[in-house]
């Protein structure tokens, strides 16, 4: 409780993009463009959202990166070659960096975790039991809807490689209703 308001802590997680918008060093939040822009827009909206005149929630952003594993959005990284794009890449980077273990540890401290990653990466998260039951908003493919519901997670259908405006609105309303 802060200033009489029960702030929800929210972590929004996505994977890296082939679109680097900075050269050299930048925060993980600033580094990636392309499909991550919709997700960063959601983070910005959550960060500035107010309820009853007060900040609605504390929000953090994290990227599962090919070179560094799971990286909080405020960590400084550098651009790199060879962004993972298929199941074999996700498995190789998991073996090298243990991003699922890193994410599991980071997620413990949040009330809600919004996950927007490719199908094969999400499947790895399910198999690994990366997240606690009940706290996830999973933006993923319909094949995982029942599994998400079984775990007490909120399921939203992923629209191609994007979050989608409709899903962003649903997430904002969900967080607002919980704050």
N, C-alpha and C. Protein backbone atom coordinates (compact mmCIF):
# COMPACT_ATOMS: atom_id res chain seq x y z
N UNK A 1 0.86 -1.17 0.00
CA UNK A 1 0.00 0.00 0.00
C UNK A 1 0.90 1.23 0.00
N UNK A 2 0.64 2.14 -0.93
CA UNK A 2 1.42 3.38 -1.05
C UNK A 2 0.44 4.54 -1.15
N UNK A 3 0.58 5.51 -0.26
CA UNK A 3 -0.31 6.67 -0.25
C UNK A 3 -1.78 6.27 -0.20
N UNK A 4 -2.10 5.20 0.53
CA UNK A 4 -3.48 4.78 0.68
C UNK A 4 -4.04 4.02 -0.51
N UNK A 5 -3.21 3.74 -1.51
CA UNK A 5 -3.68 3.03 -2.71
C UNK A 5 -2.93 1.71 -2.83
N UNK A 6 -3.64 0.66 -3.12
CA UNK A 6 -3.02 -0.65 -3.31
C UNK A 6 -2.50 -0.74 -4.74
N UNK A 7 -1.23 -0.41 -4.95
CA UNK A 7 -0.65 -0.46 -6.28
C UNK A 7 -0.36 -1.90 -6.67
N UNK A 8 -0.71 -2.25 -7.87
CA UNK A 8 -0.39 -3.56 -8.41
C UNK A 8 0.96 -3.46 -9.10
N UNK A 9 1.80 -4.43 -8.89
CA UNK A 9 3.08 -4.47 -9.61
C UNK A 9 2.91 -5.39 -10.81
N UNK A 10 3.26 -4.89 -11.98
CA UNK A 10 3.04 -5.60 -13.23
C UNK A 10 4.35 -5.70 -13.99
N UNK A 11 4.66 -6.89 -14.47
CA UNK A 11 5.81 -7.12 -15.34
C UNK A 11 5.29 -7.49 -16.72
N UNK A 12 5.74 -6.78 -17.74
CA UNK A 12 5.36 -7.07 -19.13
C UNK A 12 6.60 -7.65 -19.81
N UNK A 13 6.46 -8.86 -20.36
CA UNK A 13 7.59 -9.59 -20.94
C UNK A 13 7.35 -9.88 -22.41
N UNK A 14 8.38 -9.63 -23.21
CA UNK A 14 8.35 -10.01 -24.62
C UNK A 14 9.75 -10.50 -25.00
N UNK A 15 9.91 -10.88 -26.25
CA UNK A 15 11.23 -11.30 -26.73
C UNK A 15 11.79 -10.23 -27.64
N UNK A 16 13.08 -10.35 -27.94
CA UNK A 16 13.76 -9.34 -28.73
C UNK A 16 13.24 -9.30 -30.17
N UNK A 17 13.65 -8.28 -30.87
CA UNK A 17 13.21 -8.03 -32.24
C UNK A 17 14.43 -7.88 -33.13
N UNK A 18 14.26 -8.16 -34.40
CA UNK A 18 15.35 -7.93 -35.36
C UNK A 18 15.53 -6.45 -35.66
N UNK A 19 14.58 -5.63 -35.20
CA UNK A 19 14.65 -4.18 -35.43
C UNK A 19 15.32 -3.52 -34.23
N UNK A 20 16.58 -3.13 -34.42
CA UNK A 20 17.31 -2.38 -33.39
C UNK A 20 17.18 -0.90 -33.73
N UNK A 21 16.73 -0.10 -32.78
CA UNK A 21 16.55 1.33 -33.07
C UNK A 21 17.66 2.19 -32.47
N UNK A 22 18.60 1.55 -31.81
CA UNK A 22 19.76 2.25 -31.25
C UNK A 22 21.03 1.51 -31.67
N UNK A 23 22.10 2.24 -31.85
CA UNK A 23 23.41 1.65 -32.09
C UNK A 23 24.21 1.82 -30.81
N UNK A 24 25.05 0.85 -30.50
CA UNK A 24 25.84 0.95 -29.28
C UNK A 24 25.02 0.60 -28.07
N UNK A 25 25.18 1.36 -27.00
CA UNK A 25 24.52 1.07 -25.73
C UNK A 25 23.18 1.79 -25.59
N UNK A 26 22.21 1.08 -25.04
CA UNK A 26 20.89 1.65 -24.74
C UNK A 26 20.19 0.70 -23.78
N UNK A 27 19.15 1.18 -23.12
CA UNK A 27 18.38 0.27 -22.26
C UNK A 27 17.65 -0.74 -23.15
N UNK A 28 17.32 -1.86 -22.57
CA UNK A 28 16.57 -2.88 -23.32
C UNK A 28 15.23 -2.31 -23.79
N UNK A 29 14.65 -1.39 -23.03
CA UNK A 29 13.39 -0.75 -23.43
C UNK A 29 13.59 0.09 -24.68
N UNK A 30 14.70 0.80 -24.77
CA UNK A 30 14.97 1.69 -25.89
C UNK A 30 15.52 0.96 -27.12
N UNK A 31 16.11 -0.20 -26.93
CA UNK A 31 16.88 -0.86 -27.99
C UNK A 31 16.04 -1.40 -29.14
N UNK A 32 14.89 -1.95 -28.84
CA UNK A 32 14.15 -2.70 -29.86
C UNK A 32 12.95 -1.93 -30.40
N UNK A 33 12.73 -2.08 -31.70
CA UNK A 33 11.56 -1.50 -32.36
C UNK A 33 10.73 -2.62 -32.94
N UNK A 34 10.11 -2.36 -34.09
CA UNK A 34 9.30 -3.38 -34.76
C UNK A 34 8.10 -3.76 -33.93
N UNK A 35 7.85 -5.06 -33.82
CA UNK A 35 6.66 -5.54 -33.13
C UNK A 35 6.67 -5.23 -31.64
N UNK A 36 7.84 -4.89 -31.06
CA UNK A 36 7.87 -4.54 -29.64
C UNK A 36 7.23 -3.19 -29.36
N UNK A 37 7.03 -2.38 -30.38
CA UNK A 37 6.46 -1.04 -30.17
C UNK A 37 5.08 -1.10 -29.53
N UNK A 38 4.24 -2.04 -29.96
CA UNK A 38 2.91 -2.17 -29.35
C UNK A 38 3.01 -2.52 -27.88
N UNK A 39 3.95 -3.37 -27.56
CA UNK A 39 4.10 -3.81 -26.18
C UNK A 39 4.66 -2.67 -25.33
N UNK A 40 5.62 -1.93 -25.87
CA UNK A 40 6.16 -0.77 -25.15
C UNK A 40 5.08 0.30 -24.98
N UNK A 41 4.19 0.42 -25.92
CA UNK A 41 3.07 1.35 -25.80
C UNK A 41 2.16 0.95 -24.63
N UNK A 42 1.90 -0.33 -24.48
CA UNK A 42 1.11 -0.83 -23.35
C UNK A 42 1.82 -0.49 -22.04
N UNK A 43 3.12 -0.71 -21.99
CA UNK A 43 3.90 -0.41 -20.78
C UNK A 43 3.78 1.08 -20.44
N UNK A 44 3.92 1.93 -21.44
CA UNK A 44 3.82 3.38 -21.22
C UNK A 44 2.43 3.76 -20.72
N UNK A 45 1.40 3.15 -21.28
CA UNK A 45 0.04 3.45 -20.84
C UNK A 45 -0.20 2.99 -19.41
N UNK A 46 0.30 1.80 -19.08
CA UNK A 46 0.17 1.31 -17.70
C UNK A 46 0.93 2.21 -16.73
N UNK A 47 2.09 2.67 -17.16
CA UNK A 47 2.94 3.49 -16.30
C UNK A 47 2.29 4.83 -15.97
N UNK A 48 1.49 5.36 -16.88
CA UNK A 48 0.88 6.67 -16.66
C UNK A 48 -0.60 6.58 -16.27
N UNK A 49 -1.15 5.37 -16.22
CA UNK A 49 -2.57 5.20 -15.91
C UNK A 49 -2.87 5.62 -14.47
N UNK A 50 -4.01 6.26 -14.33
CA UNK A 50 -4.45 6.74 -13.01
C UNK A 50 -5.83 6.16 -12.72
N UNK A 51 -6.05 5.94 -11.43
CA UNK A 51 -7.36 5.50 -10.97
C UNK A 51 -7.68 6.34 -9.73
N UNK A 52 -8.80 6.97 -9.75
CA UNK A 52 -9.19 7.86 -8.66
C UNK A 52 -8.11 8.91 -8.39
N UNK A 53 -7.49 9.41 -9.48
CA UNK A 53 -6.50 10.46 -9.38
C UNK A 53 -5.11 10.03 -8.93
N UNK A 54 -4.91 8.72 -8.76
CA UNK A 54 -3.62 8.20 -8.29
C UNK A 54 -3.08 7.17 -9.28
N UNK A 55 -1.76 7.00 -9.23
CA UNK A 55 -1.10 6.02 -10.08
C UNK A 55 -1.74 4.64 -9.89
N UNK A 56 -2.10 4.01 -11.01
CA UNK A 56 -2.85 2.76 -10.96
C UNK A 56 -1.96 1.57 -10.60
N UNK A 57 -0.73 1.53 -11.14
CA UNK A 57 0.14 0.39 -10.87
C UNK A 57 1.59 0.76 -11.12
N UNK A 58 2.48 -0.05 -10.58
CA UNK A 58 3.89 0.05 -10.90
C UNK A 58 4.15 -0.98 -11.99
N UNK A 59 4.79 -0.56 -13.08
CA UNK A 59 4.99 -1.46 -14.21
C UNK A 59 6.46 -1.56 -14.56
N UNK A 60 6.88 -2.76 -14.91
CA UNK A 60 8.24 -3.02 -15.38
C UNK A 60 8.15 -3.75 -16.70
N UNK A 61 9.21 -3.65 -17.46
CA UNK A 61 9.28 -4.24 -18.79
C UNK A 61 10.53 -5.11 -18.85
N UNK A 62 10.41 -6.27 -19.47
CA UNK A 62 11.56 -7.14 -19.63
C UNK A 62 11.59 -7.77 -20.99
N UNK A 63 12.80 -8.03 -21.49
CA UNK A 63 13.00 -8.61 -22.82
C UNK A 63 13.79 -9.90 -22.69
N UNK A 64 13.32 -10.93 -23.36
CA UNK A 64 14.11 -12.15 -23.49
C UNK A 64 14.97 -11.95 -24.71
N UNK A 65 16.27 -11.72 -24.48
CA UNK A 65 17.17 -11.38 -25.57
C UNK A 65 18.06 -12.56 -25.95
N UNK A 66 18.39 -12.62 -27.20
CA UNK A 66 19.23 -13.69 -27.72
C UNK A 66 20.61 -13.66 -27.10
N UNK A 67 21.16 -12.50 -26.91
CA UNK A 67 22.54 -12.39 -26.43
C UNK A 67 22.67 -12.41 -24.91
N UNK A 68 21.68 -11.86 -24.19
CA UNK A 68 21.83 -11.68 -22.75
C UNK A 68 20.88 -12.50 -21.89
N UNK A 69 19.95 -13.23 -22.48
CA UNK A 69 18.93 -13.91 -21.70
C UNK A 69 17.84 -12.93 -21.33
N UNK A 70 17.21 -13.11 -20.17
CA UNK A 70 16.17 -12.19 -19.73
C UNK A 70 16.82 -10.92 -19.21
N UNK A 71 16.36 -9.77 -19.72
CA UNK A 71 16.94 -8.48 -19.36
C UNK A 71 15.83 -7.52 -18.93
N UNK A 72 15.89 -6.98 -17.70
CA UNK A 72 14.95 -5.94 -17.32
C UNK A 72 15.09 -4.74 -18.26
N UNK A 73 14.00 -4.06 -18.51
CA UNK A 73 13.96 -2.97 -19.48
C UNK A 73 14.90 -1.82 -19.19
N UNK A 74 15.28 -1.63 -17.93
CA UNK A 74 16.16 -0.51 -17.60
C UNK A 74 17.64 -0.91 -17.62
N UNK A 75 17.97 -2.16 -17.92
CA UNK A 75 19.36 -2.59 -18.04
C UNK A 75 19.91 -2.12 -19.38
N UNK A 76 21.15 -1.68 -19.37
CA UNK A 76 21.80 -1.22 -20.59
C UNK A 76 22.43 -2.42 -21.31
N UNK A 77 22.13 -2.52 -22.59
CA UNK A 77 22.66 -3.58 -23.44
C UNK A 77 23.20 -2.96 -24.73
N UNK A 78 23.76 -3.78 -25.56
CA UNK A 78 24.23 -3.33 -26.86
C UNK A 78 23.54 -4.14 -27.95
N UNK A 79 23.47 -3.59 -29.15
CA UNK A 79 22.85 -4.35 -30.23
C UNK A 79 23.76 -5.52 -30.61
N UNK A 80 23.20 -6.49 -31.32
CA UNK A 80 23.92 -7.72 -31.64
C UNK A 80 23.35 -8.32 -32.91
N UNK A 81 24.06 -9.29 -33.43
CA UNK A 81 23.61 -10.01 -34.62
C UNK A 81 22.90 -11.29 -34.22
N UNK A 82 22.06 -11.80 -35.10
CA UNK A 82 21.48 -13.13 -34.92
C UNK A 82 20.41 -13.24 -33.87
N UNK A 83 19.27 -12.60 -34.08
CA UNK A 83 18.14 -12.70 -33.15
C UNK A 83 17.43 -14.03 -33.36
N UNK A 84 17.11 -14.71 -32.25
CA UNK A 84 16.43 -16.01 -32.33
C UNK A 84 15.06 -15.87 -32.98
N UNK A 85 14.70 -16.89 -33.80
CA UNK A 85 13.46 -16.78 -34.56
C UNK A 85 12.67 -18.08 -34.64
N UNK A 86 13.22 -19.17 -34.13
CA UNK A 86 12.52 -20.45 -34.21
C UNK A 86 12.83 -21.30 -32.98
N UNK A 87 12.09 -22.39 -32.82
CA UNK A 87 12.17 -23.22 -31.63
C UNK A 87 13.61 -23.64 -31.31
N UNK A 88 14.35 -24.03 -32.30
CA UNK A 88 15.73 -24.45 -32.07
C UNK A 88 16.55 -23.31 -31.48
N UNK A 89 16.32 -22.09 -31.94
CA UNK A 89 17.02 -20.92 -31.39
C UNK A 89 16.63 -20.69 -29.93
N UNK A 90 15.33 -20.77 -29.64
CA UNK A 90 14.85 -20.55 -28.27
C UNK A 90 15.47 -21.58 -27.33
N UNK A 91 15.54 -22.83 -27.79
CA UNK A 91 16.12 -23.90 -26.98
C UNK A 91 17.62 -23.69 -26.77
N UNK A 92 18.32 -23.29 -27.82
CA UNK A 92 19.76 -23.05 -27.72
C UNK A 92 20.05 -21.92 -26.74
N UNK A 93 19.33 -20.81 -26.88
CA UNK A 93 19.55 -19.67 -25.99
C UNK A 93 19.16 -20.04 -24.55
N UNK A 94 18.11 -20.82 -24.39
CA UNK A 94 17.73 -21.28 -23.04
C UNK A 94 18.87 -22.09 -22.43
N UNK A 95 19.45 -22.97 -23.20
CA UNK A 95 20.56 -23.79 -22.72
C UNK A 95 21.76 -22.91 -22.34
N UNK A 96 22.03 -21.90 -23.15
CA UNK A 96 23.18 -21.02 -22.93
C UNK A 96 22.95 -19.99 -21.82
N UNK A 97 21.76 -19.42 -21.74
CA UNK A 97 21.50 -18.26 -20.86
C UNK A 97 20.51 -18.53 -19.72
N UNK A 98 19.76 -19.61 -19.80
CA UNK A 98 18.71 -19.92 -18.82
C UNK A 98 17.75 -18.75 -18.60
N UNK A 99 17.21 -18.21 -19.68
CA UNK A 99 16.28 -17.09 -19.55
C UNK A 99 15.01 -17.49 -18.81
N UNK A 100 14.61 -18.75 -18.87
CA UNK A 100 13.42 -19.16 -18.13
C UNK A 100 13.67 -19.12 -16.63
N UNK A 101 14.83 -19.53 -16.20
CA UNK A 101 15.19 -19.45 -14.78
C UNK A 101 15.30 -18.01 -14.32
N UNK A 102 15.89 -17.16 -15.15
CA UNK A 102 16.01 -15.73 -14.83
C UNK A 102 14.62 -15.12 -14.70
N UNK A 103 13.75 -15.45 -15.64
CA UNK A 103 12.39 -14.91 -15.64
C UNK A 103 11.59 -15.42 -14.45
N UNK A 104 11.76 -16.69 -14.13
CA UNK A 104 11.08 -17.27 -12.97
C UNK A 104 11.43 -16.50 -11.71
N UNK A 105 12.71 -16.20 -11.52
CA UNK A 105 13.14 -15.46 -10.33
C UNK A 105 12.60 -14.04 -10.32
N UNK A 106 12.64 -13.37 -11.45
CA UNK A 106 12.16 -11.98 -11.52
C UNK A 106 10.65 -11.91 -11.30
N UNK A 107 9.90 -12.85 -11.84
CA UNK A 107 8.44 -12.81 -11.80
C UNK A 107 7.87 -12.97 -10.39
N UNK A 108 8.63 -13.56 -9.51
CA UNK A 108 8.17 -13.79 -8.13
C UNK A 108 7.72 -12.49 -7.48
N UNK A 109 8.34 -11.39 -7.83
CA UNK A 109 8.12 -10.11 -7.15
C UNK A 109 6.96 -9.29 -7.71
N UNK A 110 6.23 -9.83 -8.67
CA UNK A 110 5.16 -9.08 -9.32
C UNK A 110 3.81 -9.72 -9.06
N UNK A 111 2.77 -8.86 -8.97
CA UNK A 111 1.40 -9.35 -8.80
C UNK A 111 0.85 -9.94 -10.08
N UNK A 112 1.23 -9.33 -11.21
CA UNK A 112 0.78 -9.78 -12.53
C UNK A 112 1.97 -9.82 -13.47
N UNK A 113 1.98 -10.81 -14.36
CA UNK A 113 2.99 -10.91 -15.41
C UNK A 113 2.25 -11.04 -16.74
N UNK A 114 2.48 -10.09 -17.63
CA UNK A 114 1.88 -10.12 -18.96
C UNK A 114 2.94 -10.69 -19.90
N UNK A 115 2.62 -11.81 -20.55
CA UNK A 115 3.59 -12.51 -21.39
C UNK A 115 3.12 -12.47 -22.84
N UNK A 116 3.97 -11.91 -23.71
CA UNK A 116 3.67 -11.84 -25.13
C UNK A 116 4.91 -12.29 -25.90
N UNK A 117 4.98 -13.60 -26.12
CA UNK A 117 6.13 -14.20 -26.80
C UNK A 117 5.62 -15.19 -27.85
N UNK A 118 6.49 -15.64 -28.76
CA UNK A 118 6.07 -16.61 -29.78
C UNK A 118 5.60 -17.94 -29.18
N UNK A 119 4.82 -18.65 -29.96
CA UNK A 119 4.22 -19.92 -29.54
C UNK A 119 5.22 -20.89 -28.94
N UNK A 120 6.31 -21.17 -29.65
CA UNK A 120 7.26 -22.17 -29.17
C UNK A 120 7.94 -21.74 -27.88
N UNK A 121 8.19 -20.46 -27.72
CA UNK A 121 8.78 -19.97 -26.48
C UNK A 121 7.77 -20.08 -25.33
N UNK A 122 6.52 -19.77 -25.61
CA UNK A 122 5.49 -19.89 -24.59
C UNK A 122 5.33 -21.35 -24.16
N UNK A 123 5.38 -22.25 -25.11
CA UNK A 123 5.29 -23.68 -24.78
C UNK A 123 6.42 -24.09 -23.85
N UNK A 124 7.61 -23.57 -24.09
CA UNK A 124 8.74 -23.86 -23.21
C UNK A 124 8.47 -23.34 -21.80
N UNK A 125 7.84 -22.19 -21.69
CA UNK A 125 7.50 -21.63 -20.38
C UNK A 125 6.52 -22.52 -19.64
N UNK A 126 5.55 -23.06 -20.37
CA UNK A 126 4.59 -23.98 -19.76
C UNK A 126 5.29 -25.24 -19.25
N UNK A 127 6.12 -25.83 -20.10
CA UNK A 127 6.83 -27.07 -19.73
C UNK A 127 7.76 -26.84 -18.55
N UNK A 128 8.36 -25.67 -18.48
CA UNK A 128 9.32 -25.33 -17.43
C UNK A 128 8.65 -24.90 -16.12
N UNK A 129 7.33 -24.64 -16.16
CA UNK A 129 6.61 -24.09 -15.00
C UNK A 129 7.25 -22.77 -14.57
N UNK A 130 7.53 -21.91 -15.55
CA UNK A 130 8.23 -20.65 -15.30
C UNK A 130 7.46 -19.74 -14.36
N UNK A 131 6.14 -19.75 -14.44
CA UNK A 131 5.33 -18.80 -13.66
C UNK A 131 4.44 -19.51 -12.67
N UNK A 132 4.11 -18.79 -11.58
CA UNK A 132 3.18 -19.30 -10.59
C UNK A 132 1.76 -19.31 -11.17
N UNK A 133 0.96 -20.20 -10.67
CA UNK A 133 -0.43 -20.26 -11.10
C UNK A 133 -1.15 -18.99 -10.69
N UNK A 134 -2.05 -18.52 -11.56
CA UNK A 134 -2.94 -17.43 -11.22
C UNK A 134 -2.48 -16.03 -11.52
N UNK A 135 -1.21 -15.79 -11.78
CA UNK A 135 -0.75 -14.41 -11.89
C UNK A 135 -0.45 -13.96 -13.32
N UNK A 136 -0.62 -14.81 -14.31
CA UNK A 136 -0.19 -14.51 -15.67
C UNK A 136 -1.35 -14.05 -16.54
N UNK A 137 -1.06 -13.07 -17.40
CA UNK A 137 -1.92 -12.73 -18.52
C UNK A 137 -1.14 -13.20 -19.74
N UNK A 138 -1.62 -14.26 -20.38
CA UNK A 138 -0.91 -14.87 -21.49
C UNK A 138 -1.51 -14.43 -22.81
N UNK A 139 -0.73 -13.72 -23.59
CA UNK A 139 -1.15 -13.34 -24.94
C UNK A 139 -0.48 -14.35 -25.85
N UNK A 140 -1.27 -15.36 -26.27
CA UNK A 140 -0.68 -16.50 -26.97
C UNK A 140 -1.69 -17.11 -27.94
N UNK A 141 -1.31 -18.20 -28.56
CA UNK A 141 -2.17 -18.82 -29.58
C UNK A 141 -3.26 -19.67 -28.94
N UNK A 142 -4.34 -19.93 -29.68
CA UNK A 142 -5.48 -20.68 -29.15
C UNK A 142 -5.14 -22.08 -28.65
N UNK A 143 -4.07 -22.66 -29.13
CA UNK A 143 -3.69 -24.01 -28.69
C UNK A 143 -3.44 -24.08 -27.19
N UNK A 144 -3.14 -22.95 -26.55
CA UNK A 144 -2.81 -22.94 -25.13
C UNK A 144 -3.93 -22.37 -24.25
N UNK A 145 -5.08 -22.10 -24.83
CA UNK A 145 -6.17 -21.49 -24.07
C UNK A 145 -6.58 -22.35 -22.87
N UNK A 146 -6.81 -23.63 -23.09
CA UNK A 146 -7.25 -24.51 -22.00
C UNK A 146 -6.19 -24.64 -20.92
N UNK A 147 -4.93 -24.77 -21.32
CA UNK A 147 -3.85 -24.88 -20.35
C UNK A 147 -3.74 -23.61 -19.50
N UNK A 148 -3.92 -22.47 -20.12
CA UNK A 148 -3.89 -21.20 -19.38
C UNK A 148 -5.03 -21.16 -18.36
N UNK A 149 -6.21 -21.54 -18.78
CA UNK A 149 -7.36 -21.53 -17.88
C UNK A 149 -7.17 -22.51 -16.73
N UNK A 150 -6.59 -23.67 -17.02
CA UNK A 150 -6.33 -24.67 -16.00
C UNK A 150 -5.39 -24.13 -14.92
N UNK A 151 -4.48 -23.25 -15.31
CA UNK A 151 -3.51 -22.67 -14.38
C UNK A 151 -4.05 -21.42 -13.70
N UNK A 152 -5.27 -21.02 -14.04
CA UNK A 152 -5.84 -19.82 -13.44
C UNK A 152 -5.32 -18.53 -14.07
N UNK A 153 -4.79 -18.64 -15.26
CA UNK A 153 -4.25 -17.49 -15.97
C UNK A 153 -5.32 -16.85 -16.84
N UNK A 154 -5.11 -15.59 -17.16
CA UNK A 154 -5.97 -14.90 -18.11
C UNK A 154 -5.40 -15.19 -19.50
N UNK A 155 -6.23 -15.69 -20.39
CA UNK A 155 -5.82 -16.00 -21.77
C UNK A 155 -6.36 -14.94 -22.71
N UNK A 156 -5.48 -14.42 -23.57
CA UNK A 156 -5.89 -13.52 -24.66
C UNK A 156 -5.24 -14.04 -25.94
N UNK A 157 -6.01 -14.11 -27.00
CA UNK A 157 -5.48 -14.64 -28.26
C UNK A 157 -4.50 -13.67 -28.89
N UNK A 158 -3.32 -14.17 -29.20
CA UNK A 158 -2.28 -13.36 -29.84
C UNK A 158 -2.68 -13.11 -31.29
N UNK A 159 -2.51 -11.88 -31.73
CA UNK A 159 -2.84 -11.49 -33.10
C UNK A 159 -1.57 -11.46 -33.93
N UNK A 160 -1.22 -12.57 -34.56
CA UNK A 160 0.02 -12.65 -35.34
C UNK A 160 1.22 -12.46 -34.45
N UNK A 161 2.12 -11.56 -34.81
CA UNK A 161 3.31 -11.28 -34.01
C UNK A 161 3.09 -10.12 -33.07
N UNK A 162 1.84 -9.72 -32.89
CA UNK A 162 1.56 -8.50 -32.14
C UNK A 162 0.65 -8.73 -30.95
N UNK A 163 0.64 -7.74 -30.10
CA UNK A 163 -0.25 -7.71 -28.95
C UNK A 163 -1.67 -7.40 -29.39
N UNK A 164 -1.83 -6.39 -30.22
CA UNK A 164 -3.14 -5.97 -30.71
C UNK A 164 -3.78 -4.96 -29.79
N UNK A 165 -4.47 -3.98 -30.38
CA UNK A 165 -5.13 -2.92 -29.61
C UNK A 165 -6.19 -3.47 -28.66
N UNK A 166 -6.97 -4.42 -29.16
CA UNK A 166 -8.04 -5.00 -28.34
C UNK A 166 -7.47 -5.67 -27.09
N UNK A 167 -6.38 -6.42 -27.24
CA UNK A 167 -5.76 -7.08 -26.09
C UNK A 167 -5.17 -6.05 -25.13
N UNK A 168 -4.57 -5.00 -25.66
CA UNK A 168 -4.01 -3.94 -24.80
C UNK A 168 -5.12 -3.32 -23.95
N UNK A 169 -6.27 -3.07 -24.55
CA UNK A 169 -7.40 -2.50 -23.81
C UNK A 169 -7.89 -3.46 -22.73
N UNK A 170 -7.96 -4.74 -23.05
CA UNK A 170 -8.40 -5.74 -22.07
C UNK A 170 -7.43 -5.81 -20.89
N UNK A 171 -6.14 -5.73 -21.18
CA UNK A 171 -5.13 -5.78 -20.11
C UNK A 171 -5.25 -4.55 -19.23
N UNK A 172 -5.41 -3.38 -19.83
CA UNK A 172 -5.57 -2.15 -19.05
C UNK A 172 -6.80 -2.24 -18.14
N UNK A 173 -7.89 -2.73 -18.66
CA UNK A 173 -9.12 -2.86 -17.86
C UNK A 173 -8.94 -3.87 -16.73
N UNK A 174 -8.25 -4.97 -17.01
CA UNK A 174 -7.99 -5.98 -15.99
C UNK A 174 -7.16 -5.40 -14.84
N UNK A 175 -6.08 -4.73 -15.18
CA UNK A 175 -5.21 -4.15 -14.16
C UNK A 175 -5.96 -3.07 -13.37
N UNK A 176 -6.76 -2.29 -14.07
CA UNK A 176 -7.56 -1.26 -13.40
C UNK A 176 -8.53 -1.90 -12.41
N UNK A 177 -9.15 -3.00 -12.80
CA UNK A 177 -10.12 -3.65 -11.91
C UNK A 177 -9.45 -4.27 -10.69
N UNK A 178 -8.18 -4.59 -10.81
CA UNK A 178 -7.45 -5.20 -9.70
C UNK A 178 -6.75 -4.18 -8.79
N UNK A 179 -6.68 -2.94 -9.25
CA UNK A 179 -5.94 -1.95 -8.43
C UNK A 179 -6.86 -1.23 -7.47
